Every structure is written in C-alpha cells, then in structure tokens.
Protein backbone atom coordinates (compact mmCIF):
# COMPACT_ATOMS: atom_id res chain seq x y z
CA UNK A 1 51.20 145.83 120.54
CA UNK A 2 54.28 146.54 122.26
CA UNK A 3 56.30 144.31 124.55
CA UNK A 4 58.35 146.80 126.09
CA UNK A 5 58.93 144.55 128.93
CA UNK A 6 62.54 142.77 129.22
CA UNK A 7 62.72 139.96 127.81
CA UNK A 8 62.90 136.63 130.07
CA UNK A 9 64.16 133.02 128.97
CA UNK A 10 61.95 130.38 128.99
CA UNK A 11 62.30 127.63 131.20
CA UNK A 12 61.58 124.15 129.77
CA UNK A 13 59.35 121.77 130.85
CA UNK A 14 61.08 118.66 131.96
CA UNK A 15 59.73 116.28 129.72
CA UNK A 16 57.86 116.42 126.55
CA UNK A 17 55.31 113.86 125.24
CA UNK A 18 55.22 115.27 121.66
CA UNK A 19 56.64 112.76 119.50
CA UNK A 20 54.87 110.08 121.27
CA UNK A 21 52.34 109.45 118.35
CA UNK A 22 54.98 109.13 115.81
CA UNK A 23 56.48 106.59 118.00
CA UNK A 24 53.62 104.63 118.70
CA UNK A 25 52.36 104.86 114.93
CA UNK A 26 55.93 103.13 114.08
CA UNK A 27 55.69 100.50 116.95
CA UNK A 28 52.24 99.75 115.93
CA UNK A 29 53.56 98.98 112.35
CA UNK A 30 56.29 96.43 113.70
CA UNK A 31 53.69 94.64 115.62
CA UNK A 32 51.57 94.30 112.45
CA UNK A 33 54.04 92.72 110.47
CA UNK A 34 55.63 90.48 113.89
CA UNK A 35 52.20 89.06 114.44
CA UNK A 36 51.82 88.26 110.80
CA UNK A 37 55.38 86.99 110.10
CA UNK A 38 55.93 85.25 113.49
CA UNK A 39 52.26 83.54 114.13
CA UNK A 40 50.35 84.06 110.86
CA UNK A 41 47.94 86.43 112.38
CA UNK A 42 46.90 89.35 109.85
CA UNK A 43 45.69 92.18 112.82
CA UNK A 44 44.45 93.80 109.70
CA UNK A 45 41.93 91.44 108.62
CA UNK A 46 40.56 91.03 111.81
CA UNK A 47 39.66 94.82 111.34
CA UNK A 48 38.50 94.26 107.57
CA UNK A 49 36.93 90.75 107.69
CA UNK A 50 36.55 89.14 104.33
CA UNK A 51 33.67 87.50 102.55
CA UNK A 52 33.26 84.30 101.25
CA UNK A 53 35.19 84.11 97.86
CA UNK A 54 37.34 86.98 98.39
CA UNK A 55 41.05 86.15 97.41
CA UNK A 56 43.31 85.51 100.27
CA UNK A 57 46.36 88.42 100.39
CA UNK A 58 49.45 87.60 101.96
CA UNK A 59 50.00 91.21 103.72
CA UNK A 60 53.44 90.17 105.41
CA UNK A 61 55.53 91.81 102.81
CA UNK A 62 53.26 94.99 102.63
CA UNK A 63 53.49 94.85 106.57
CA UNK A 64 57.42 94.95 106.30
CA UNK A 65 57.66 97.56 103.73
CA UNK A 66 55.24 99.85 105.49
CA UNK A 67 57.57 99.27 108.84
CA UNK A 68 60.57 100.21 107.35
CA UNK A 69 59.45 103.03 105.71
CA UNK A 70 57.86 104.33 108.80
CA UNK A 71 61.01 103.85 110.79
CA UNK A 72 63.32 105.38 107.83
CA UNK A 73 61.17 108.61 107.67
CA UNK A 74 59.34 108.69 110.92
CA UNK A 75 62.37 108.03 112.99
CA UNK A 76 64.89 111.29 111.54
CA UNK A 77 61.60 113.15 111.35
CA UNK A 78 60.77 112.71 114.98
CA UNK A 79 64.55 113.45 115.95
CA UNK A 80 64.42 116.56 113.75
CA UNK A 81 61.40 117.82 115.49
CA UNK A 82 62.62 116.77 119.15
CA UNK A 83 66.02 118.96 118.34
CA UNK A 84 63.79 122.04 117.02
CA UNK A 85 61.55 122.12 120.07
CA UNK A 86 64.39 121.73 122.50
CA UNK A 87 66.22 124.39 120.69
CA UNK A 88 63.28 126.79 120.72
CA UNK A 89 63.06 126.12 124.22
CA UNK A 90 66.46 126.84 125.45
CA UNK A 91 66.77 129.86 123.71
CA UNK A 92 63.24 131.03 123.03
CA UNK A 93 62.00 134.14 124.89
CA UNK A 94 58.22 134.49 126.31
CA UNK A 95 56.30 137.30 124.78
CA UNK A 96 52.73 138.63 124.60
CA UNK A 97 50.79 137.81 121.72
CA UNK A 98 47.07 138.75 120.81
CA UNK A 99 44.34 136.96 119.04
CA UNK A 100 43.74 138.72 116.24
CA UNK A 101 41.32 136.17 114.56
CA UNK A 102 39.07 133.40 115.43
CA UNK A 103 37.26 130.90 112.83
CA UNK A 104 33.65 130.36 113.57
CA UNK A 105 34.64 126.39 112.81
CA UNK A 106 34.86 124.47 115.86
CA UNK A 107 36.47 120.66 115.98
CA UNK A 108 36.75 118.99 119.74
CA UNK A 109 36.11 122.24 121.24
CA UNK A 110 39.04 123.85 119.34
CA UNK A 111 38.94 126.82 117.12
CA UNK A 112 41.47 127.97 114.59
CA UNK A 113 42.82 131.21 115.96
CA UNK A 114 45.45 133.35 114.64
CA UNK A 115 47.73 135.63 117.10
CA UNK A 116 49.89 138.27 116.19
CA UNK A 117 53.02 139.22 118.16
CA UNK A 118 55.69 141.66 117.96
CA UNK A 119 59.59 141.49 117.84
CA UNK A 120 61.98 144.27 117.68
CA UNK A 121 59.00 146.59 116.25
CA UNK A 122 58.17 143.89 113.07
CA UNK A 123 54.61 141.80 113.52
CA UNK A 124 54.40 138.32 113.21
CA UNK A 125 51.32 135.48 113.13
CA UNK A 126 50.94 132.17 114.06
CA UNK A 127 47.71 130.08 113.28
CA UNK A 128 47.01 127.77 115.96
CA UNK A 129 43.88 125.82 117.34
CA UNK A 130 42.99 126.79 121.02
CA UNK A 131 39.93 125.89 123.24
CA UNK A 132 37.44 127.90 121.57
CA UNK A 133 35.71 128.92 125.04
CA UNK A 134 39.15 129.97 126.34
CA UNK A 135 40.10 132.46 123.75
CA UNK A 136 38.35 135.52 121.89
CA UNK A 137 39.16 137.88 119.55
CA UNK A 138 41.60 140.46 121.50
CA UNK A 139 42.83 137.97 124.41
CA UNK A 140 46.25 137.60 125.32
CA UNK A 141 48.10 134.86 125.41
CA UNK A 142 51.83 133.65 125.47
CA UNK A 143 54.05 133.10 122.73
CA UNK A 144 57.57 131.17 123.02
CA UNK A 145 59.55 132.93 120.14
CA UNK A 146 62.89 132.54 119.29
CA UNK A 147 64.75 135.47 119.41
CA UNK A 148 67.40 135.10 116.23
CA UNK A 149 64.22 133.88 114.04
CA UNK A 150 60.79 135.12 115.17
CA UNK A 151 59.33 133.17 112.61
CA UNK A 152 59.83 130.16 114.91
CA UNK A 153 57.87 130.25 117.25
CA UNK A 154 54.65 128.35 119.33
CA UNK A 155 51.96 129.12 121.65
CA UNK A 156 52.24 128.10 125.02
C-alpha cells in the first residue's frame, strides 16, 4: 500500500460530540444525589423496587461519593481526550488505509476490522468497529494520522 500522494491537512469539523457520554454520566450521578438529598426521592429504588421485609438503606452518601469520584476522574479524562482529538484534527493528515481483516462477529451492525496504513514506508494497524455491510477486506478507508506519531490515528 503506497501513499505517493502529497498529504493534505485535515479540516476539522466545527464541533464534536465525542464526550457527551461522559458528561451525561456525571450529570446523571449528580441528579441522583440531589434528588436523594433534597427531596428524599431515591431514583435508584424506583428502578429496583424493594420487597416486603427488605432493609431500607439511605443511598445519599453512596450517591454523593459516586458523583464526586465520577467528577474527579471523568472531567480530567474527558478534557484530555478532547485535547488529544483536537490536536490530531489540527495536525493530522488524511491517508488511505486498507481493511486487512474483518471479524465474522457482529454487534449492532458493526464488525471489528483491522485497517493497515503506511506512513514513511512503515506499516501501522488500527482496530476499529466498522459498519459490516459497508466495508469488506481489501476496501480502502480514510485514516487521520499524526505525522509526528503515526500510531496516533483514527478512522474517518
């Protein structure tokens, strides 16, 4: 697989929603805590109703600890991932990769694939779930790769 074409810089999309999942998870934990602390409404108990004779446990401290831990761990993790993504989008170059392996396993219409790409004569591989009906072994896919560190890449 040769990439004799000159590398063109990647133009990043205006806004990404990659880290909404972490934000939503943290917000959910804070909502669970606040409902429990302020209104004495245990939203977790609504999902798991108690049976007669069950011991009632106050989940307020547990909800608070979970919300704090998620915030302390999740926010810096999310910021670091966003910075890494922005850095790759600003310095990365588009190159062609080739699907070299595709697992027969399917989940939600996605199949685990191995994509090979070459930077400066050295082959690199990335594993990514791709739409199983859209990609087969031998197909070309676009890769965004960091020229300074070609191991850092993602499938476009």
